[in-house]
Amino acid sequence: MPDIALDNLSKNFGPLVAVDGATLTAADGELLTLLGPSGCGKTTTLRMIAGLEEPSGGSIRIGDRTVYDRARGIDVPAEMRGLGMVFQSYAIWPHMTVAENIAYPLRMRHVDRAQQKALVEKVLDLVGLGGLGDKPSTQLSGGQQQRVALARALVFEPALLLLDEPLSNLDAKLREQMRFELRIMQQRIGLTAVYVTHDQEEALTLSDHLVVMNNGEIEQIGTPTEVYEHPTTRFVAQFIGKGNMIDVASGVDWQVSGARLALPSGAGTIEIHLPARSIRTEPARKVTAMTNGKAAPAASLFVRPEKIAIASEARAAMKSAQAVQFPGRVLGRAYVGNRAEYLVAINEATSLKVESSTDVTVGAGAEVVLSIAPEDMVLYRPSSQ
């Protein structure tokens, strides 16, 4: 299967910039996910790759073939790009059997009937629907309809598979099952795929690489681990998973080796020293947008709830020899099966979300100590600093 590359791809709808200079690549056999909130430009990007939306600029290459280049006047029609696509709505034709639905792309390509039958049977086995070809499509469950839509996109052996929120119509249990099955299938056949979703867990489970988008721009590209553990912008940090973001109004001592800052706590001021590798610089306009138009803070400190250790004052345990400790008071505790979630006030204005094992049993009102290793914190600063 070929790779795919977008170079400075953009799309304007009048004055609205839906996609602003997207540049990315997906390697041969890779599943690349476009992730972001509604209106961020991810589906528009997918539709431009498919040839269903004409870009305003930039280029699209699939393998060694350029299918769109604004500057060179290249625009290969959608039906000639050789792409398979699965939409949020499966578009299963009710008057056709399962096999007839799947064979439709082959009939449009004038494939002879004997070869159609062989290809349909092959792909039915691939998606776990072997023996169901003659079943009326109206008798399918939601999960089976999803498999038929996928089989129809795969049956003509496309150069690239595009998937636009394909699991969003399934219930939670089936969606979890299908995401694993889809990933295993994609890896088994070595298919290059571009996947669109707003579901973070889905994206982390399925992807080789994530492209996090916001307001038409790419915020970060990386592996699921890189994006979750090392978010490069405030938006990515707050959009992916859970987190605590503490705005620091002033008092940051920026140094070549890192930064020193002081945070107020119930027991006075807590001094934190972070190395340079824990500091991220981003455009001030993005920080201002994240704070609802207010002036960007001097810095913002970010830490994920599961990176914070919680213990009673009598049993406070350091996460590492250099761990930063915050005294606090538990405002609330929730049991959620495999873990406990806490809300802990460290001063009058700041409360932190904490996740811990259920072995920790401190309750509301308890005085506790929170321990955070410096390497588990990220400090964001506006570029105007």
Protein backbone atom coordinates (compact mmCIF):
# COMPACT_ATOMS: atom_id res chain seq x y z
CA MET A 1 0.00 0.00 0.00
CA PRO A 2 1.25 3.52 -0.73
CA ASP A 3 2.08 6.31 1.64
CA ILE A 4 0.24 9.65 1.58
CA ALA A 5 1.49 13.22 1.93
CA LEU A 6 -0.33 16.54 2.28
CA ASP A 7 1.69 19.71 1.69
CA ASN A 8 0.34 23.07 2.90
CA LEU A 9 -3.23 21.95 2.19
CA SER A 10 -5.91 24.54 2.86
CA LYS A 11 -9.62 25.05 2.43
CA ASN A 12 -11.62 28.26 2.69
CA PHE A 13 -15.40 28.54 2.73
CA GLY A 14 -15.70 32.24 1.94
CA PRO A 15 -14.10 34.11 4.85
CA LEU A 16 -13.99 30.94 6.98
CA VAL A 17 -10.66 29.12 6.99
CA ALA A 18 -11.64 25.49 7.57
CA VAL A 19 -8.15 24.02 7.06
CA ASP A 20 -5.07 26.21 7.30
CA GLY A 21 -1.89 24.86 5.69
CA ALA A 22 -2.04 21.21 6.78
CA THR A 23 1.22 19.36 6.17
CA LEU A 24 1.48 15.70 7.18
CA THR A 25 2.44 12.23 6.00
CA ALA A 26 1.25 8.68 6.64
CA ALA A 27 3.74 5.93 5.93
CA ASP A 28 3.03 2.81 3.91
CA GLY A 29 0.79 0.49 5.99
CA GLU A 30 0.22 3.09 8.73
CA LEU A 31 -3.05 4.12 10.34
CA LEU A 32 -3.05 7.89 10.79
CA THR A 33 -5.84 9.48 12.83
CA LEU A 34 -7.12 13.04 12.51
CA LEU A 35 -8.39 13.94 15.98
CA GLY A 36 -10.09 17.05 17.24
CA PRO A 37 -13.36 18.68 18.33
CA SER A 38 -16.27 19.37 15.99
CA GLY A 39 -15.42 22.06 13.45
CA CYS A 40 -11.64 21.66 13.73
CA GLY A 41 -11.20 20.73 10.03
CA LYS A 42 -10.56 16.99 10.29
CA THR A 43 -13.49 15.82 8.13
CA THR A 44 -12.83 18.59 5.58
CA THR A 45 -9.24 17.35 5.33
CA LEU A 46 -10.45 13.79 4.76
CA ARG A 47 -12.91 14.94 2.10
CA MET A 48 -10.14 16.81 0.28
CA ILE A 49 -8.03 13.63 0.25
CA ALA A 50 -11.03 11.75 -1.15
CA GLY A 51 -11.62 14.34 -3.87
CA LEU A 52 -15.07 15.22 -2.47
CA GLU A 53 -13.97 18.75 -1.57
CA GLU A 54 -11.73 20.93 -3.74
CA PRO A 55 -8.85 22.48 -1.75
CA SER A 56 -8.08 26.18 -1.86
CA GLY A 57 -4.35 25.49 -2.00
CA GLY A 58 -1.58 22.98 -1.46
CA SER A 59 -1.09 19.46 -2.77
CA ILE A 60 -2.00 15.81 -2.09
CA ARG A 61 0.18 12.87 -3.05
CA ILE A 62 -0.80 9.19 -2.72
CA GLY A 63 2.18 6.93 -3.29
CA ASP A 64 4.07 8.20 -6.34
CA ARG A 65 0.94 9.85 -7.78
CA THR A 66 -0.04 13.48 -7.22
CA VAL A 67 -3.84 13.61 -7.11
CA TYR A 68 -4.10 17.33 -6.34
CA ASP A 69 -1.78 20.28 -6.83
CA ARG A 70 -3.26 23.75 -6.97
CA ALA A 71 -0.14 25.36 -8.41
CA ARG A 72 0.24 22.77 -11.21
CA GLY A 73 -3.46 22.52 -12.02
CA ILE A 74 -3.76 18.83 -11.07
CA ASP A 75 -7.09 17.60 -9.72
CA VAL A 76 -7.78 13.88 -10.19
CA PRO A 77 -11.53 13.14 -9.89
CA ALA A 78 -12.67 11.25 -6.78
CA GLU A 79 -13.65 8.13 -8.72
CA MET A 80 -10.17 7.90 -10.25
CA ARG A 81 -8.19 8.14 -7.00
CA GLY A 82 -8.72 4.46 -6.15
CA LEU A 83 -9.76 5.12 -2.56
CA GLY A 84 -12.06 3.17 -0.26
CA MET A 85 -14.18 5.18 2.17
CA VAL A 86 -16.36 4.30 5.16
CA PHE A 87 -18.69 7.04 6.37
CA GLN A 88 -20.40 7.64 9.71
CA SER A 89 -23.63 6.55 7.98
CA TYR A 90 -22.97 3.12 6.54
CA ALA A 91 -25.29 3.65 3.52
CA ILE A 92 -26.28 -0.02 3.35
CA TRP A 93 -28.88 -0.48 0.58
CA PRO A 94 -31.92 -2.20 2.12
CA HIS A 95 -33.09 -3.82 -1.14
CA MET A 96 -29.79 -5.69 -1.57
CA THR A 97 -28.32 -8.72 0.14
CA VAL A 98 -25.04 -8.49 2.04
CA ALA A 99 -23.10 -9.81 -0.96
CA GLU A 100 -24.85 -7.44 -3.39
CA ASN A 101 -23.99 -4.46 -1.17
CA ILE A 102 -20.34 -5.47 -1.03
CA ALA A 103 -20.14 -6.23 -4.76
CA TYR A 104 -21.47 -2.80 -5.79
CA PRO A 105 -18.01 -1.17 -6.34
CA LEU A 106 -16.99 -4.16 -8.44
CA ARG A 107 -20.09 -3.86 -10.65
CA MET A 108 -19.32 -0.17 -11.16
CA ARG A 109 -15.84 -1.21 -12.33
CA HIS A 110 -17.31 -3.85 -14.68
CA VAL A 111 -15.57 -6.75 -12.94
CA ASP A 112 -16.91 -10.07 -14.31
CA ARG A 113 -19.34 -12.01 -12.11
CA ALA A 114 -17.07 -14.93 -11.31
CA GLN A 115 -14.34 -12.61 -10.04
CA GLN A 116 -16.93 -10.56 -8.16
CA LYS A 117 -18.09 -13.68 -6.32
CA ALA A 118 -14.54 -14.71 -5.40
CA LEU A 119 -13.59 -11.22 -4.16
CA VAL A 120 -16.80 -10.84 -2.14
CA GLU A 121 -16.33 -14.22 -0.44
CA LYS A 122 -12.73 -13.34 0.36
CA VAL A 123 -13.59 -10.01 1.98
CA LEU A 124 -16.60 -11.51 3.84
CA ASP A 125 -14.21 -13.92 5.54
CA LEU A 126 -11.82 -11.04 6.24
CA VAL A 127 -14.44 -9.01 8.13
CA GLY A 128 -15.93 -12.00 9.94
CA LEU A 129 -19.14 -12.30 7.91
CA GLY A 130 -18.34 -15.54 6.09
CA GLY A 131 -21.49 -17.42 5.04
CA LEU A 132 -23.77 -14.38 5.39
CA GLY A 133 -23.57 -13.16 1.80
CA ASP A 134 -27.16 -14.14 0.96
CA LYS A 135 -28.63 -12.59 4.09
CA PRO A 136 -30.96 -9.59 3.52
CA SER A 137 -29.20 -6.42 4.63
CA THR A 138 -32.28 -5.37 6.62
CA GLN A 139 -31.62 -8.23 9.05
CA LEU A 140 -28.16 -7.02 10.06
CA SER A 141 -27.18 -5.73 13.48
CA GLY A 142 -25.36 -2.42 13.83
CA GLY A 143 -22.00 -4.15 14.13
CA GLN A 144 -22.70 -6.28 11.06
CA GLN A 145 -23.68 -3.20 9.04
CA GLN A 146 -20.38 -1.60 10.00
CA ARG A 147 -18.54 -4.70 8.77
CA VAL A 148 -20.45 -4.66 5.47
CA ALA A 149 -19.54 -1.00 4.91
CA LEU A 150 -15.91 -1.83 5.63
CA ALA A 151 -16.00 -4.88 3.32
CA ARG A 152 -17.48 -2.76 0.52
CA ALA A 153 -14.63 -0.26 0.92
CA LEU A 154 -12.01 -3.05 0.83
CA VAL A 155 -13.37 -5.37 -1.86
CA PHE A 156 -11.75 -3.60 -4.83
CA GLU A 157 -8.36 -3.41 -3.04
CA PRO A 158 -8.11 0.39 -2.74
CA ALA A 159 -4.85 2.30 -2.66
CA LEU A 160 -5.90 4.00 0.57
CA LEU A 161 -8.71 3.54 3.10
CA LEU A 162 -10.47 6.62 4.49
CA LEU A 163 -12.72 6.29 7.55
CA ASP A 164 -14.93 9.12 8.84
CA GLU A 165 -16.23 8.40 12.37
CA PRO A 166 -17.11 4.81 11.34
CA LEU A 167 -17.84 3.56 14.88
CA SER A 168 -19.83 6.49 16.25
CA ASN A 169 -23.23 4.88 15.63
CA LEU A 170 -22.41 1.78 17.67
CA ASP A 171 -23.12 1.30 21.37
CA ALA A 172 -20.17 1.61 23.77
CA LYS A 173 -19.48 -2.12 24.18
CA LEU A 174 -19.61 -2.86 20.47
CA ARG A 175 -17.56 0.25 19.64
CA GLU A 176 -14.79 -0.97 21.96
CA GLN A 177 -14.85 -4.43 20.37
CA MET A 178 -14.88 -3.09 16.81
CA ARG A 179 -11.97 -0.71 17.34
CA PHE A 180 -9.74 -3.64 18.27
CA GLU A 181 -11.01 -5.74 15.37
CA LEU A 182 -10.51 -2.88 12.93
CA ARG A 183 -6.96 -2.32 14.14
CA ILE A 184 -6.07 -6.02 13.90
CA MET A 185 -7.54 -6.22 10.39
CA GLN A 186 -5.71 -3.10 9.19
CA GLN A 187 -2.40 -4.44 10.47
CA ARG A 188 -3.00 -7.90 9.03
CA ILE A 189 -3.55 -6.66 5.47
CA GLY A 190 -1.01 -3.84 5.75
CA LEU A 191 -3.47 -1.20 4.57
CA THR A 192 -2.62 2.50 4.70
CA ALA A 193 -5.55 4.30 6.34
CA VAL A 194 -6.59 7.79 7.41
CA TYR A 195 -9.14 7.78 10.23
CA VAL A 196 -11.24 10.69 11.53
CA THR A 197 -12.66 10.78 15.05
CA HIS A 198 -13.35 13.08 17.98
CA ASP A 199 -13.11 10.14 20.41
CA GLN A 200 -9.74 10.32 22.20
CA GLU A 201 -9.77 6.73 23.49
CA GLU A 202 -10.58 5.47 20.00
CA ALA A 203 -7.71 7.49 18.54
CA LEU A 204 -5.20 6.33 21.15
CA THR A 205 -6.21 2.68 20.67
CA LEU A 206 -6.18 2.58 16.87
CA SER A 207 -3.41 4.85 15.69
CA ASP A 208 0.20 4.60 14.66
CA HIS A 209 0.27 8.41 14.64
CA LEU A 210 -2.18 11.09 15.74
CA VAL A 211 -2.76 14.47 14.11
CA VAL A 212 -4.46 16.72 16.67
CA MET A 213 -6.35 19.58 14.99
CA ASN A 214 -7.97 22.74 16.34
CA ASN A 215 -9.52 25.67 14.48
CA GLY A 216 -8.27 24.38 11.15
CA GLU A 217 -4.65 24.08 12.28
CA ILE A 218 -2.50 21.10 13.24
CA GLU A 219 -1.55 21.41 16.91
CA GLN A 220 0.63 18.29 17.20
CA ILE A 221 1.62 15.16 15.27
CA GLY A 222 3.04 12.17 17.12
CA THR A 223 2.52 8.63 18.34
CA PRO A 224 -0.28 8.13 20.88
CA THR A 225 2.33 7.92 23.64
CA GLU A 226 4.08 11.11 22.53
CA VAL A 227 0.85 13.09 22.27
CA TYR A 228 -0.48 11.90 25.64
CA GLU A 229 2.75 12.03 27.62
CA HIS A 230 4.31 15.11 25.97
CA PRO A 231 1.58 17.48 24.71
CA THR A 232 3.23 20.41 22.93
CA THR A 233 0.39 22.92 23.43
CA ARG A 234 -2.14 23.78 26.11
CA PHE A 235 -4.95 22.71 23.78
CA VAL A 236 -3.52 19.22 23.26
CA ALA A 237 -2.87 18.84 26.99
CA GLN A 238 -6.46 19.69 27.87
CA PHE A 239 -8.14 17.94 24.93
CA ILE A 240 -6.39 14.56 25.25
CA GLY A 241 -7.32 12.78 28.46
CA LYS A 242 -7.75 14.44 31.84
CA GLY A 243 -5.46 17.02 33.32
CA ASN A 244 -4.83 19.88 35.72
CA MET A 245 -3.84 23.25 34.28
CA ILE A 246 -2.69 25.85 36.79
CA ASP A 247 -2.23 29.38 35.47
CA VAL A 248 0.74 31.21 37.00
CA ALA A 249 0.15 34.97 36.92
CA SER A 250 3.70 36.10 37.72
CA GLY A 251 6.90 35.24 39.53
CA VAL A 252 8.43 32.87 36.98
CA ASP A 253 12.22 32.97 36.82
CA TRP A 254 13.11 31.86 33.29
CA GLN A 255 16.61 30.41 33.06
CA VAL A 256 18.70 28.75 30.37
CA SER A 257 18.50 25.46 32.28
CA GLY A 258 14.75 25.68 32.88
CA ALA A 259 12.44 27.72 35.10
CA ARG A 260 11.73 28.37 38.76
CA LEU A 261 8.27 29.30 39.98
CA ALA A 262 6.44 29.57 43.25
CA LEU A 263 2.88 28.42 43.90
CA PRO A 264 0.88 29.40 46.99
CA SER A 265 -0.35 26.58 49.20
CA GLY A 266 -2.05 26.19 52.53
CA ALA A 267 1.36 25.82 54.16
CA GLY A 268 3.01 28.79 52.44
CA THR A 269 4.78 28.95 49.08
CA ILE A 270 5.90 25.84 47.21
CA GLU A 271 8.94 26.35 44.99
CA ILE A 272 9.16 24.30 41.79
CA HIS A 273 12.15 23.95 39.52
CA LEU A 274 11.56 22.46 36.08
CA PRO A 275 14.26 21.55 33.54
CA ALA A 276 14.25 23.03 30.02
CA ARG A 277 12.89 19.78 28.55
CA SER A 278 9.66 20.31 30.53
CA ILE A 279 9.01 23.77 29.04
CA ARG A 280 6.85 24.30 25.94
CA THR A 281 6.64 27.62 24.09
CA GLU A 282 3.55 28.34 22.00
CA PRO A 283 2.09 31.38 20.19
CA ALA A 284 0.54 33.89 22.59
CA ARG A 285 -2.58 34.08 20.38
CA LYS A 286 -3.26 30.38 21.07
CA VAL A 287 -2.92 30.85 24.81
CA THR A 288 -5.25 33.86 24.69
CA ALA A 289 -7.79 31.80 22.72
CA MET A 290 -7.62 29.07 25.37
CA THR A 291 -8.32 31.60 28.12
CA ASN A 292 -11.45 33.03 26.44
CA GLY A 293 -9.75 36.16 25.14
CA LYS A 294 -8.10 37.13 28.44
CA ALA A 295 -4.46 38.12 28.49
CA ALA A 296 -2.13 35.15 28.42
CA PRO A 297 -0.79 34.17 31.86
CA ALA A 298 2.94 34.30 32.55
CA ALA A 299 2.92 30.50 32.42
CA SER A 300 0.65 27.50 32.89
CA LEU A 301 1.63 24.35 34.79
CA PHE A 302 0.11 21.07 33.63
CA VAL A 303 0.02 17.63 35.27
CA ARG A 304 -2.18 14.59 34.69
CA PRO A 305 -4.28 13.23 37.61
CA GLU A 306 -2.68 9.76 37.52
CA LYS A 307 0.80 11.33 37.89
CA ILE A 308 -0.07 12.68 41.34
CA ALA A 309 0.48 10.49 44.41
CA ILE A 310 -1.87 11.09 47.35
CA ALA A 311 -1.34 10.05 50.95
CA SER A 312 -2.46 11.07 54.40
CA GLU A 313 -0.11 13.47 56.17
CA ALA A 314 1.17 10.65 58.34
CA ARG A 315 2.01 8.40 55.37
CA ALA A 316 3.22 10.92 52.78
CA ALA A 317 5.47 9.08 50.32
CA MET A 318 7.78 10.73 47.83
CA LYS A 319 7.33 9.66 44.18
CA SER A 320 11.03 10.36 43.72
CA ALA A 321 13.78 12.02 45.69
CA GLN A 322 13.05 15.30 43.88
CA ALA A 323 9.24 15.12 44.09
CA VAL A 324 7.35 18.34 44.78
CA GLN A 325 4.94 18.03 47.70
CA PHE A 326 1.72 19.99 48.19
CA PRO A 327 -0.29 19.84 51.40
CA GLY A 328 -4.00 19.84 50.66
CA ARG A 329 -7.50 19.03 51.81
CA VAL A 330 -9.77 16.49 50.12
CA LEU A 331 -12.95 18.13 48.84
CA GLY A 332 -14.43 14.92 47.47
CA ARG A 333 -13.74 11.29 46.56
CA ALA A 334 -15.44 9.09 43.94
CA TYR A 335 -15.11 5.34 43.49
CA VAL A 336 -15.03 4.39 39.78
CA GLY A 337 -14.26 0.67 39.88
CA ASN A 338 -10.58 0.22 39.15
CA ARG A 339 -9.53 3.54 40.64
CA ALA A 340 -10.53 6.35 42.97
CA GLU A 341 -10.82 9.98 41.87
CA TYR A 342 -10.19 12.89 44.23
CA LEU A 343 -10.58 16.63 44.16
CA VAL A 344 -7.98 18.19 46.44
CA ALA A 345 -7.67 21.89 47.32
CA ILE A 346 -4.04 23.04 47.59
CA ASN A 347 -4.97 26.69 48.22
CA GLU A 348 -8.10 28.85 48.23
CA ALA A 349 -8.10 29.27 44.44
CA THR A 350 -6.69 25.97 43.17
CA SER A 351 -7.96 22.40 43.32
CA LEU A 352 -6.31 19.41 41.64
CA LYS A 353 -7.90 16.27 40.20
CA VAL A 354 -6.08 13.16 41.41
CA GLU A 355 -6.45 9.51 40.38
CA SER A 356 -5.22 6.72 42.61
CA SER A 357 -5.66 3.03 43.31
CA THR A 358 -8.60 2.07 45.49
CA ASP A 359 -6.10 1.10 48.21
CA VAL A 360 -6.00 4.79 49.14
CA THR A 361 -9.04 5.44 51.32
CA VAL A 362 -8.75 9.03 52.57
CA GLY A 363 -12.16 10.67 52.61
CA ALA A 364 -13.63 14.13 52.18
CA GLY A 365 -12.18 16.66 54.60
CA ALA A 366 -8.95 14.73 55.18
CA GLU A 367 -5.65 16.56 55.24
CA VAL A 368 -3.33 14.97 52.67
CA VAL A 369 -0.03 15.45 50.89
CA LEU A 370 0.25 15.35 47.11
CA SER A 371 3.57 14.34 45.54
CA ILE A 372 4.47 15.10 41.92
CA ALA A 373 7.74 14.26 40.20
CA PRO A 374 9.12 17.25 38.23
CA GLU A 375 9.41 15.12 35.08
CA ASP A 376 5.64 14.61 35.18
CA MET A 377 4.91 18.35 34.95
CA VAL A 378 4.87 20.53 31.82
CA LEU A 379 5.20 24.32 31.87
CA TYR A 380 3.69 26.29 28.97
CA ARG A 381 4.83 29.82 28.19
CA PRO A 382 3.56 32.26 25.55
CA SER A 383 6.12 33.07 22.82
CA SER A 384 5.94 36.78 23.67
CA GLN A 385 7.81 36.08 26.91
